[in-house]
Amino acid sequence: MQRLGIALVAPGGYAPEPEAVRRGIARLESQGILVHNYYEHDKRHLRFGGTDEDRLAQLNAAAADPDVQLVVALRGQYGMTRLLPHIDFDRMADSGKIFVGYSDITAFHMGLYARRAAISYAGPMFAGDFCAAEPVDFTLDDFWRCLAGPTHTVQGQGAGNPALDVHGTVWGGNLAMIMSLMGTPYLPRVDGGILFLEDIAEHPYRVERMLLQLMQAGVLARQRAIVLGDFSGYRLAPADNGYDFEQMLAYLRATLPCPIVTGLEFGHIPRRVTIPFGAQGRLVSDEAGWRLSMSHYPTVRQG
């Protein structure tokens, strides 16, 4: 059986600790995985992991590499938006690779699904996960379980979650990145979706404003449910006068046209699940907790 091949690319930021990249590569190679590193730290440019041309070339080379099954982003930060008009999404989809990342990489997931309904993984990234001095076992174990398939289930709990039993296409990611794609050809139209969302350092009123925009644009009326991940890193001010995340959530639950479930372990947090973007999902929720079961997504069996 062919050994698993992983390509490392930097479509966004550069490595904060270049020596950690070597550590992550060695750790994967010790597991019998072939790592094809297309990131060159000496070619970093400004805040990016290379010029726009270099970063696009990394993606293209990884997609063309016959020994690669997974293409994993080094990190998010910012940079994918610059590349979107230049990415050949047909080429990416036809490569048969599984593209993995989250945060800024949400823009790639969206564009790939909008263009070809091709499935990718909202999952771990190289710098923060595979290269960590002390990797989070839960995060990596959940990724490998998802990759092995053929189904993947995540679960959670949250106060006030509604009773639900819905089916739909699982899609979403970073809320700010999704909003940045409104009105562009890179935001897919998903009917009957289960929309998962997360963000970092966004005040509750900004989260509310973005979700109201999604509602007013007609996106949320087409969804079966919203599943909220982590929304931390913000700071309340005296002027908020009691307006916190819980107050915002209560307002949204009374206002939006689809139910909201909370408690998803996904976002800018160390302990994080992997979600195949575009998979078919069943979300079952009651007061005791919820389960999201996903199927019909690409997997790779390791040798």
C-alpha atoms as a PDB file:
ATOM      1  CA  MET A   1       0.000   0.000   0.000  1.00  0.00           C
ATOM      2  CA  GLN A   2       1.272   3.470  -0.881  1.00  0.00           C
ATOM      3  CA  ARG A   3       2.681   5.534   1.970  1.00  0.00           C
ATOM      4  CA  LEU A   4       0.698   8.618   2.881  1.00  0.00           C
ATOM      5  CA  GLY A   5       2.142  11.750   1.297  1.00  0.00           C
ATOM      6  CA  ILE A   6       1.556  15.181   2.816  1.00  0.00           C
ATOM      7  CA  ALA A   7       2.496  18.430   1.095  1.00  0.00           C
ATOM      8  CA  LEU A   8       3.295  21.484   3.193  1.00  0.00           C
ATOM      9  CA  VAL A   9       2.327  24.823   1.650  1.00  0.00           C
ATOM     10  CA  ALA A  10       2.153  28.385   2.982  1.00  0.00           C
ATOM     11  CA  PRO A  11      -0.729  30.184   1.254  1.00  0.00           C
ATOM     12  CA  GLY A  12      -0.914  32.691   4.127  1.00  0.00           C
ATOM     13  CA  GLY A  13       1.598  33.579   6.813  1.00  0.00           C
ATOM     14  CA  TYR A  14       5.121  32.348   7.355  1.00  0.00           C
ATOM     15  CA  ALA A  15       6.363  30.103  10.153  1.00  0.00           C
ATOM     16  CA  PRO A  16       6.895  31.970  13.438  1.00  0.00           C
ATOM     17  CA  GLU A  17       9.446  29.316  14.434  1.00  0.00           C
ATOM     18  CA  PRO A  18      11.202  27.842  11.402  1.00  0.00           C
ATOM     19  CA  GLU A  19      12.927  25.226  13.546  1.00  0.00           C
ATOM     20  CA  ALA A  20       9.486  23.958  14.573  1.00  0.00           C
ATOM     21  CA  VAL A  21       8.719  23.129  10.934  1.00  0.00           C
ATOM     22  CA  ARG A  22      11.672  20.773  10.894  1.00  0.00           C
ATOM     23  CA  ARG A  23      10.417  19.226  14.126  1.00  0.00           C
ATOM     24  CA  GLY A  24       6.957  18.683  12.667  1.00  0.00           C
ATOM     25  CA  ILE A  25       8.323  17.133   9.487  1.00  0.00           C
ATOM     26  CA  ALA A  26      10.524  14.766  11.507  1.00  0.00           C
ATOM     27  CA  ARG A  27       7.575  13.801  13.708  1.00  0.00           C
ATOM     28  CA  LEU A  28       5.436  12.878  10.695  1.00  0.00           C
ATOM     29  CA  GLU A  29       8.277  11.050   8.986  1.00  0.00           C
ATOM     30  CA  SER A  30       8.771   8.980  12.146  1.00  0.00           C
ATOM     31  CA  GLN A  31       5.191   7.773  11.603  1.00  0.00           C
ATOM     32  CA  GLY A  32       6.060   6.556   8.116  1.00  0.00           C
ATOM     33  CA  ILE A  33       4.557   9.567   6.330  1.00  0.00           C
ATOM     34  CA  LEU A  34       6.243  11.181   3.335  1.00  0.00           C
ATOM     35  CA  VAL A  35       6.400  14.958   3.707  1.00  0.00           C
ATOM     36  CA  HIS A  36       6.900  17.137   0.625  1.00  0.00           C
ATOM     37  CA  ASN A  37       7.828  20.619   1.838  1.00  0.00           C
ATOM     38  CA  TYR A  38       7.043  23.391  -0.642  1.00  0.00           C
ATOM     39  CA  TYR A  39       7.557  26.151   1.926  1.00  0.00           C
ATOM     40  CA  GLU A  40      10.929  27.961   1.969  1.00  0.00           C
ATOM     41  CA  HIS A  41      11.382  30.145   5.018  1.00  0.00           C
ATOM     42  CA  ASP A  42      14.060  32.270   3.332  1.00  0.00           C
ATOM     43  CA  LYS A  43      11.512  33.281   0.692  1.00  0.00           C
ATOM     44  CA  ARG A  44       9.026  34.808   3.141  1.00  0.00           C
ATOM     45  CA  HIS A  45       7.751  38.190   2.023  1.00  0.00           C
ATOM     46  CA  LEU A  46       6.392  40.860   4.358  1.00  0.00           C
ATOM     47  CA  ARG A  47       3.852  39.040   6.552  1.00  0.00           C
ATOM     48  CA  PHE A  48       3.399  36.258   4.021  1.00  0.00           C
ATOM     49  CA  GLY A  49       5.021  32.870   3.424  1.00  0.00           C
ATOM     50  CA  GLY A  50       6.335  34.137   0.094  1.00  0.00           C
ATOM     51  CA  THR A  51       5.241  36.533  -2.621  1.00  0.00           C
ATOM     52  CA  ASP A  52       1.772  35.992  -4.060  1.00  0.00           C
ATOM     53  CA  GLU A  53       3.394  34.272  -7.040  1.00  0.00           C
ATOM     54  CA  ASP A  54       5.491  32.022  -4.812  1.00  0.00           C
ATOM     55  CA  ARG A  55       2.552  31.006  -2.646  1.00  0.00           C
ATOM     56  CA  LEU A  56       0.398  30.247  -5.665  1.00  0.00           C
ATOM     57  CA  ALA A  57       3.258  28.182  -7.094  1.00  0.00           C
ATOM     58  CA  GLN A  58       3.363  26.172  -3.867  1.00  0.00           C
ATOM     59  CA  LEU A  59      -0.312  25.286  -4.214  1.00  0.00           C
ATOM     60  CA  ASN A  60       0.088  24.350  -7.865  1.00  0.00           C
ATOM     61  CA  ALA A  61       3.148  22.207  -7.215  1.00  0.00           C
ATOM     62  CA  ALA A  62       1.465  20.371  -4.357  1.00  0.00           C
ATOM     63  CA  ALA A  63      -1.631  19.733  -6.478  1.00  0.00           C
ATOM     64  CA  ALA A  64       0.548  18.316  -9.257  1.00  0.00           C
ATOM     65  CA  ASP A  65       2.668  16.057  -7.008  1.00  0.00           C
ATOM     66  CA  PRO A  66       1.647  12.427  -7.693  1.00  0.00           C
ATOM     67  CA  ASP A  67       3.019  11.264  -4.333  1.00  0.00           C
ATOM     68  CA  VAL A  68       0.797  13.607  -2.313  1.00  0.00           C
ATOM     69  CA  GLN A  69      -2.680  12.836  -1.010  1.00  0.00           C
ATOM     70  CA  LEU A  70      -3.016  15.689   1.510  1.00  0.00           C
ATOM     71  CA  VAL A  71      -2.098  19.362   1.145  1.00  0.00           C
ATOM     72  CA  VAL A  72      -1.787  20.959   4.587  1.00  0.00           C
ATOM     73  CA  ALA A  73      -1.484  24.720   5.122  1.00  0.00           C
ATOM     74  CA  LEU A  74       1.397  25.952   7.225  1.00  0.00           C
ATOM     75  CA  ARG A  75      -0.852  28.450   9.007  1.00  0.00           C
ATOM     76  CA  GLY A  76      -3.611  30.958   8.393  1.00  0.00           C
ATOM     77  CA  GLN A  77      -2.980  34.596   9.306  1.00  0.00           C
ATOM     78  CA  TYR A  78      -3.838  36.318   6.011  1.00  0.00           C
ATOM     79  CA  GLY A  79      -3.057  35.815   2.360  1.00  0.00           C
ATOM     80  CA  MET A  80      -5.569  33.483   0.732  1.00  0.00           C
ATOM     81  CA  THR A  81      -7.813  36.359  -0.356  1.00  0.00           C
ATOM     82  CA  ARG A  82      -4.987  37.717  -2.519  1.00  0.00           C
ATOM     83  CA  LEU A  83      -4.704  34.379  -4.291  1.00  0.00           C
ATOM     84  CA  LEU A  84      -8.363  33.603  -4.956  1.00  0.00           C
ATOM     85  CA  PRO A  85      -8.603  35.196  -8.446  1.00  0.00           C
ATOM     86  CA  HIS A  86      -5.482  33.299  -9.531  1.00  0.00           C
ATOM     87  CA  ILE A  87      -6.241  29.823  -8.176  1.00  0.00           C
ATOM     88  CA  ASP A  88      -7.291  27.275 -10.791  1.00  0.00           C
ATOM     89  CA  PHE A  89      -9.964  25.590  -8.691  1.00  0.00           C
ATOM     90  CA  ASP A  90     -10.673  23.088 -11.466  1.00  0.00           C
ATOM     91  CA  ARG A  91      -7.033  22.053 -11.256  1.00  0.00           C
ATOM     92  CA  MET A  92      -7.257  21.790  -7.473  1.00  0.00           C
ATOM     93  CA  ALA A  93     -10.411  19.665  -7.609  1.00  0.00           C
ATOM     94  CA  ASP A  94      -9.129  17.448 -10.410  1.00  0.00           C
ATOM     95  CA  SER A  95      -5.929  16.741  -8.458  1.00  0.00           C
ATOM     96  CA  GLY A  96      -7.883  14.546  -6.061  1.00  0.00           C
ATOM     97  CA  LYS A  97      -5.929  15.967  -3.111  1.00  0.00           C
ATOM     98  CA  ILE A  98      -7.539  16.753   0.229  1.00  0.00           C
ATOM     99  CA  PHE A  99      -6.735  20.342   1.207  1.00  0.00           C
ATOM    100  CA  VAL A 100      -6.541  20.924   4.958  1.00  0.00           C
ATOM    101  CA  GLY A 101      -6.604  24.051   7.130  1.00  0.00           C
ATOM    102  CA  TYR A 102      -8.892  26.521   8.850  1.00  0.00           C
ATOM    103  CA  SER A 103      -9.154  30.254   9.661  1.00  0.00           C
ATOM    104  CA  ASP A 104      -7.841  32.122   6.588  1.00  0.00           C
ATOM    105  CA  ILE A 105      -7.983  28.833   4.654  1.00  0.00           C
ATOM    106  CA  THR A 106     -11.790  29.099   4.870  1.00  0.00           C
ATOM    107  CA  ALA A 107     -11.572  31.213   1.718  1.00  0.00           C
ATOM    108  CA  PHE A 108     -10.006  28.284  -0.151  1.00  0.00           C
ATOM    109  CA  HIS A 109     -12.656  25.836   1.121  1.00  0.00           C
ATOM    110  CA  MET A 110     -15.355  28.229  -0.023  1.00  0.00           C
ATOM    111  CA  GLY A 111     -13.891  28.827  -3.459  1.00  0.00           C
ATOM    112  CA  LEU A 112     -13.267  25.135  -4.083  1.00  0.00           C
ATOM    113  CA  TYR A 113     -16.829  24.234  -3.148  1.00  0.00           C
ATOM    114  CA  ALA A 114     -18.324  27.166  -5.062  1.00  0.00           C
ATOM    115  CA  ARG A 115     -16.457  26.200  -8.219  1.00  0.00           C
ATOM    116  CA  ARG A 116     -16.705  22.419  -8.155  1.00  0.00           C
ATOM    117  CA  ALA A 117     -18.575  21.293  -5.025  1.00  0.00           C
ATOM    118  CA  ALA A 118     -15.278  19.627  -4.097  1.00  0.00           C
ATOM    119  CA  ILE A 119     -14.799  18.648  -0.454  1.00  0.00           C
ATOM    120  CA  SER A 120     -11.862  19.757   1.696  1.00  0.00           C
ATOM    121  CA  TYR A 121     -11.069  19.557   5.416  1.00  0.00           C
ATOM    122  CA  ALA A 122     -11.447  22.285   8.006  1.00  0.00           C
ATOM    123  CA  GLY A 123      -8.688  20.774  10.082  1.00  0.00           C
ATOM    124  CA  PRO A 124      -5.256  21.138  11.670  1.00  0.00           C
ATOM    125  CA  MET A 125      -2.428  23.196  10.257  1.00  0.00           C
ATOM    126  CA  PHE A 126       1.250  22.540  10.242  1.00  0.00           C
ATOM    127  CA  ALA A 127       2.697  25.303  12.405  1.00  0.00           C
ATOM    128  CA  GLY A 128       0.195  25.254  15.240  1.00  0.00           C
ATOM    129  CA  ASP A 129      -0.643  21.561  15.361  1.00  0.00           C
ATOM    130  CA  PHE A 130       1.792  19.126  13.750  1.00  0.00           C
ATOM    131  CA  CYS A 131       4.800  21.259  14.725  1.00  0.00           C
ATOM    132  CA  ALA A 132       3.727  22.064  18.279  1.00  0.00           C
ATOM    133  CA  ALA A 133       6.261  21.367  21.004  1.00  0.00           C
ATOM    134  CA  GLU A 134       3.487  19.492  22.813  1.00  0.00           C
ATOM    135  CA  PRO A 135       0.888  18.429  20.231  1.00  0.00           C
ATOM    136  CA  VAL A 136      -2.719  18.173  21.390  1.00  0.00           C
ATOM    137  CA  ASP A 137      -3.549  14.499  21.058  1.00  0.00           C
ATOM    138  CA  PHE A 138      -7.290  15.122  20.764  1.00  0.00           C
ATOM    139  CA  THR A 139      -6.845  17.468  17.790  1.00  0.00           C
ATOM    140  CA  LEU A 140      -4.543  15.179  15.825  1.00  0.00           C
ATOM    141  CA  ASP A 141      -6.370  11.974  16.752  1.00  0.00           C
ATOM    142  CA  ASP A 142      -9.667  13.465  15.571  1.00  0.00           C
ATOM    143  CA  PHE A 143      -8.035  14.438  12.276  1.00  0.00           C
ATOM    144  CA  TRP A 144      -6.640  10.940  11.654  1.00  0.00           C
ATOM    145  CA  ARG A 145     -10.010   9.382  12.524  1.00  0.00           C
ATOM    146  CA  CYS A 146     -11.752  11.692  10.075  1.00  0.00           C
ATOM    147  CA  LEU A 147      -9.201  10.897   7.386  1.00  0.00           C
ATOM    148  CA  ALA A 148      -9.664   7.145   7.867  1.00  0.00           C
ATOM    149  CA  GLY A 149     -13.442   7.468   7.475  1.00  0.00           C
ATOM    150  CA  PRO A 150     -15.795   6.400   6.081  1.00  0.00           C
ATOM    151  CA  THR A 151     -17.805   8.469   8.557  1.00  0.00           C
ATOM    152  CA  HIS A 152     -16.898  10.997  11.210  1.00  0.00           C
ATOM    153  CA  THR A 153     -18.861  12.142  14.251  1.00  0.00           C
ATOM    154  CA  VAL A 154     -18.332  15.126  16.515  1.00  0.00           C
ATOM    155  CA  GLN A 155     -20.405  15.984  19.543  1.00  0.00           C
ATOM    156  CA  GLY A 156     -20.869  18.637  22.169  1.00  0.00           C
ATOM    157  CA  GLN A 157     -23.109  20.340  24.689  1.00  0.00           C
ATOM    158  CA  GLY A 158     -24.416  23.860  25.182  1.00  0.00           C
ATOM    159  CA  ALA A 159     -26.935  25.596  27.365  1.00  0.00           C
ATOM    160  CA  GLY A 160     -30.264  26.226  25.695  1.00  0.00           C
ATOM    161  CA  ASN A 161     -29.593  24.092  22.639  1.00  0.00           C
ATOM    162  CA  PRO A 162     -32.804  23.224  20.751  1.00  0.00           C
ATOM    163  CA  ALA A 163     -34.195  19.780  20.014  1.00  0.00           C
ATOM    164  CA  LEU A 164     -33.258  18.975  16.415  1.00  0.00           C
ATOM    165  CA  ASP A 165     -32.900  16.157  13.943  1.00  0.00           C
ATOM    166  CA  VAL A 166     -31.825  17.594  10.590  1.00  0.00           C
ATOM    167  CA  HIS A 167     -29.828  16.514   7.556  1.00  0.00           C
ATOM    168  CA  GLY A 168     -27.784  18.754   5.279  1.00  0.00           C
ATOM    169  CA  THR A 169     -24.508  19.711   3.672  1.00  0.00           C
ATOM    170  CA  VAL A 170     -21.896  20.617   6.274  1.00  0.00           C
ATOM    171  CA  TRP A 171     -20.079  23.830   5.418  1.00  0.00           C
ATOM    172  CA  GLY A 172     -18.643  26.962   7.036  1.00  0.00           C
ATOM    173  CA  GLY A 173     -15.533  28.042   8.884  1.00  0.00           C
ATOM    174  CA  ASN A 174     -14.258  31.422   9.981  1.00  0.00           C
ATOM    175  CA  LEU A 175     -17.121  33.903  10.107  1.00  0.00           C
ATOM    176  CA  ALA A 176     -15.117  36.992   9.121  1.00  0.00           C
ATOM    177  CA  MET A 177     -13.639  35.154   6.134  1.00  0.00           C
ATOM    178  CA  ILE A 178     -17.099  34.053   5.012  1.00  0.00           C
ATOM    179  CA  MET A 179     -18.344  37.624   5.222  1.00  0.00           C
ATOM    180  CA  SER A 180     -15.372  38.836   3.179  1.00  0.00           C
ATOM    181  CA  LEU A 181     -16.625  36.656   0.312  1.00  0.00           C
ATOM    182  CA  MET A 182     -20.170  38.023   0.219  1.00  0.00           C
ATOM    183  CA  GLY A 183     -20.946  39.244  -3.287  1.00  0.00           C
ATOM    184  CA  THR A 184     -18.017  37.349  -4.818  1.00  0.00           C
ATOM    185  CA  PRO A 185     -18.039  34.154  -6.912  1.00  0.00           C
ATOM    186  CA  TYR A 186     -16.173  32.381  -4.102  1.00  0.00           C
ATOM    187  CA  LEU A 187     -19.124  32.127  -1.718  1.00  0.00           C
ATOM    188  CA  PRO A 188     -21.028  28.931  -2.537  1.00  0.00           C
ATOM    189  CA  ARG A 189     -24.791  28.727  -2.505  1.00  0.00           C
ATOM    190  CA  VAL A 190     -25.649  25.922  -0.107  1.00  0.00           C
ATOM    191  CA  ASP A 191     -29.292  24.942   0.241  1.00  0.00           C
ATOM    192  CA  GLY A 192     -30.305  22.859   3.233  1.00  0.00           C
ATOM    193  CA  GLY A 193     -26.951  23.320   4.912  1.00  0.00           C
ATOM    194  CA  ILE A 194     -25.580  22.799   8.394  1.00  0.00           C
ATOM    195  CA  LEU A 195     -23.417  25.905   8.820  1.00  0.00           C
ATOM    196  CA  PHE A 196     -20.541  25.752  11.320  1.00  0.00           C
ATOM    197  CA  LEU A 197     -18.897  29.008  12.422  1.00  0.00           C
ATOM    198  CA  GLU A 198     -16.017  30.256  14.584  1.00  0.00           C
ATOM    199  CA  ASP A 199     -13.948  33.390  14.998  1.00  0.00           C
ATOM    200  CA  ILE A 200     -11.281  35.000  17.162  1.00  0.00           C
ATOM    201  CA  ALA A 201     -11.171  38.463  18.772  1.00  0.00           C
ATOM    202  CA  GLU A 202     -14.542  39.481  17.360  1.00  0.00           C
ATOM    203  CA  HIS A 203     -16.728  41.347  19.862  1.00  0.00           C
ATOM    204  CA  PRO A 204     -20.261  39.927  20.286  1.00  0.00           C
ATOM    205  CA  TYR A 205     -21.805  42.892  18.469  1.00  0.00           C
ATOM    206  CA  ARG A 206     -19.599  42.197  15.455  1.00  0.00           C
ATOM    207  CA  VAL A 207     -20.599  38.532  15.479  1.00  0.00           C
ATOM    208  CA  GLU A 208     -24.238  39.622  15.670  1.00  0.00           C
ATOM    209  CA  ARG A 209     -23.789  42.100  12.838  1.00  0.00           C
ATOM    210  CA  MET A 210     -22.197  39.504  10.575  1.00  0.00           C
ATOM    211  CA  LEU A 211     -24.897  36.940  11.239  1.00  0.00           C
ATOM    212  CA  LEU A 212     -27.603  39.521  10.633  1.00  0.00           C
ATOM    213  CA  GLN A 213     -25.955  40.315   7.313  1.00  0.00           C
ATOM    214  CA  LEU A 214     -26.009  36.616   6.408  1.00  0.00           C
ATOM    215  CA  MET A 215     -29.693  36.563   7.295  1.00  0.00           C
ATOM    216  CA  GLN A 216     -30.478  39.732   5.355  1.00  0.00           C
ATOM    217  CA  ALA A 217     -28.605  38.359   2.343  1.00  0.00           C
ATOM    218  CA  GLY A 218     -30.889  35.310   2.377  1.00  0.00           C
ATOM    219  CA  VAL A 219     -28.149  32.810   3.275  1.00  0.00           C
ATOM    220  CA  LEU A 220     -29.532  31.689   6.637  1.00  0.00           C
ATOM    221  CA  ALA A 221     -33.063  31.042   5.396  1.00  0.00           C
ATOM    222  CA  ARG A 222     -31.562  28.247   3.301  1.00  0.00           C
ATOM    223  CA  GLN A 223     -29.851  26.520   6.257  1.00  0.00           C
ATOM    224  CA  ARG A 224     -31.146  23.725   8.457  1.00  0.00           C
ATOM    225  CA  ALA A 225     -29.059  24.840  11.457  1.00  0.00           C
ATOM    226  CA  ILE A 226     -26.070  26.852  12.635  1.00  0.00           C
ATOM    227  CA  VAL A 227     -23.440  25.217  14.848  1.00  0.00           C
ATOM    228  CA  LEU A 228     -21.243  27.678  16.741  1.00  0.00           C
ATOM    229  CA  GLY A 229     -17.675  26.899  17.669  1.00  0.00           C
ATOM    230  CA  ASP A 230     -15.287  29.037  19.698  1.00  0.00           C
ATOM    231  CA  PHE A 231     -15.690  32.831  19.734  1.00  0.00           C
ATOM    232  CA  SER A 232     -13.074  33.947  22.241  1.00  0.00           C
ATOM    233  CA  GLY A 233     -10.339  36.557  22.400  1.00  0.00           C
ATOM    234  CA  TYR A 234     -12.552  39.650  22.583  1.00  0.00           C
ATOM    235  CA  ARG A 235     -12.793  42.212  25.407  1.00  0.00           C
ATOM    236  CA  LEU A 236     -15.999  43.686  26.739  1.00  0.00           C
ATOM    237  CA  ALA A 237     -16.147  47.396  27.600  1.00  0.00           C
ATOM    238  CA  PRO A 238     -18.148  49.369  30.202  1.00  0.00           C
ATOM    239  CA  ALA A 239     -20.303  50.740  27.374  1.00  0.00           C
ATOM    240  CA  ASP A 240     -21.569  47.214  26.668  1.00  0.00           C
ATOM    241  CA  ASN A 241     -23.761  47.578  29.766  1.00  0.00           C
ATOM    242  CA  GLY A 242     -24.444  43.872  30.121  1.00  0.00           C
ATOM    243  CA  TYR A 243     -24.393  43.096  26.390  1.00  0.00           C
ATOM    244  CA  ASP A 244     -22.214  39.978  26.294  1.00  0.00           C
ATOM    245  CA  PHE A 245     -22.046  36.856  24.164  1.00  0.00           C
ATOM    246  CA  GLU A 246     -24.982  35.231  25.963  1.00  0.00           C
ATOM    247  CA  GLN A 247     -27.180  38.301  25.453  1.00  0.00           C
ATOM    248  CA  MET A 248     -26.199  38.389  21.803  1.00  0.00           C
ATOM    249  CA  LEU A 249     -26.902  34.674  21.410  1.00  0.00           C
ATOM    250  CA  ALA A 250     -30.355  35.025  22.969  1.00  0.00           C
ATOM    251  CA  TYR A 251     -31.183  37.798  20.524  1.00  0.00           C
ATOM    252  CA  LEU A 252     -29.996  35.786  17.541  1.00  0.00           C
ATOM    253  CA  ARG A 253     -31.951  32.724  18.614  1.00  0.00           C
ATOM    254  CA  ALA A 254     -35.080  34.850  18.703  1.00  0.00           C
ATOM    255  CA  THR A 255     -34.320  36.542  15.382  1.00  0.00           C
ATOM    256  CA  LEU A 256     -32.612  34.223  12.904  1.00  0.00           C
ATOM    257  CA  PRO A 257     -34.670  31.917  10.664  1.00  0.00           C
ATOM    258  CA  CYS A 258     -32.743  28.765  11.629  1.00  0.00           C
ATOM    259  CA  PRO A 259     -31.877  27.157  14.974  1.00  0.00           C
ATOM    260  CA  ILE A 260     -28.506  27.683  16.670  1.00  0.00           C
ATOM    261  CA  VAL A 261     -26.535  24.957  18.434  1.00  0.00           C
ATOM    262  CA  THR A 262     -23.486  25.809  20.561  1.00  0.00           C
ATOM    263  CA  GLY A 263     -20.609  23.782  21.977  1.00  0.00           C
ATOM    264  CA  LEU A 264     -18.613  22.825  18.872  1.00  0.00           C
ATOM    265  CA  GLU A 265     -14.917  22.299  19.679  1.00  0.00           C
ATOM    266  CA  PHE A 266     -13.659  24.175  16.657  1.00  0.00           C
ATOM    267  CA  GLY A 267     -11.871  27.476  16.195  1.00  0.00           C
ATOM    268  CA  HIS A 268      -8.700  29.180  17.361  1.00  0.00           C
ATOM    269  CA  ILE A 269      -8.271  26.812  20.281  1.00  0.00           C
ATOM    270  CA  PRO A 270      -5.762  23.994  20.879  1.00  0.00           C
ATOM    271  CA  ARG A 271      -8.401  21.259  21.251  1.00  0.00           C
ATOM    272  CA  ARG A 272     -10.191  21.139  17.928  1.00  0.00           C
ATOM    273  CA  VAL A 273     -12.187  18.719  15.773  1.00  0.00           C
ATOM    274  CA  THR A 274     -11.814  18.201  12.040  1.00  0.00           C
ATOM    275  CA  ILE A 275     -14.821  18.867   9.821  1.00  0.00           C
ATOM    276  CA  PRO A 276     -14.996  17.767   6.169  1.00  0.00           C
ATOM    277  CA  PHE A 277     -16.369  20.820   4.365  1.00  0.00           C
ATOM    278  CA  GLY A 278     -19.081  19.639   1.978  1.00  0.00           C
ATOM    279  CA  ALA A 279     -19.808  16.315   3.661  1.00  0.00           C
ATOM    280  CA  GLN A 280     -23.355  15.153   4.218  1.00  0.00           C
ATOM    281  CA  GLY A 281     -24.321  15.510   7.845  1.00  0.00           C
ATOM    282  CA  ARG A 282     -27.024  14.600  10.327  1.00  0.00           C
ATOM    283  CA  LEU A 283     -27.319  16.832  13.389  1.00  0.00           C
ATOM    284  CA  VAL A 284     -29.271  15.431  16.329  1.00  0.00           C
ATOM    285  CA  SER A 285     -29.652  17.627  19.391  1.00  0.00           C
ATOM    286  CA  ASP A 286     -31.550  17.598  22.674  1.00  0.00           C
ATOM    287  CA  GLU A 287     -31.038  19.016  26.146  1.00  0.00           C
ATOM    288  CA  ALA A 288     -28.458  16.328  26.953  1.00  0.00           C
ATOM    289  CA  GLY A 289     -26.167  17.183  24.034  1.00  0.00           C
ATOM    290  CA  TRP A 290     -25.798  16.919  20.279  1.00  0.00           C
ATOM    291  CA  ARG A 291     -24.083  14.766  17.659  1.00  0.00           C
ATOM    292  CA  LEU A 292     -23.091  15.703  14.118  1.00  0.00           C
ATOM    293  CA  SER A 293     -22.482  12.592  12.001  1.00  0.00           C
ATOM    294  CA  MET A 294     -20.796  13.155   8.631  1.00  0.00           C
ATOM    295  CA  SER A 295     -20.399  10.935   5.581  1.00  0.00           C
ATOM    296  CA  HIS A 296     -19.777  11.024   1.820  1.00  0.00           C
ATOM    297  CA  TYR A 297     -16.435  12.791   1.975  1.00  0.00           C
ATOM    298  CA  PRO A 298     -12.968  11.811   0.664  1.00  0.00           C
ATOM    299  CA  THR A 299     -10.753   9.662   2.882  1.00  0.00           C
ATOM    300  CA  VAL A 300      -7.274   8.186   2.713  1.00  0.00           C
ATOM    301  CA  ARG A 301      -6.226   4.818   4.054  1.00  0.00           C
ATOM    302  CA  GLN A 302      -2.681   4.911   5.382  1.00  0.00           C
ATOM    303  CA  GLY A 303      -0.152   2.289   4.446  1.00  0.00           C
END
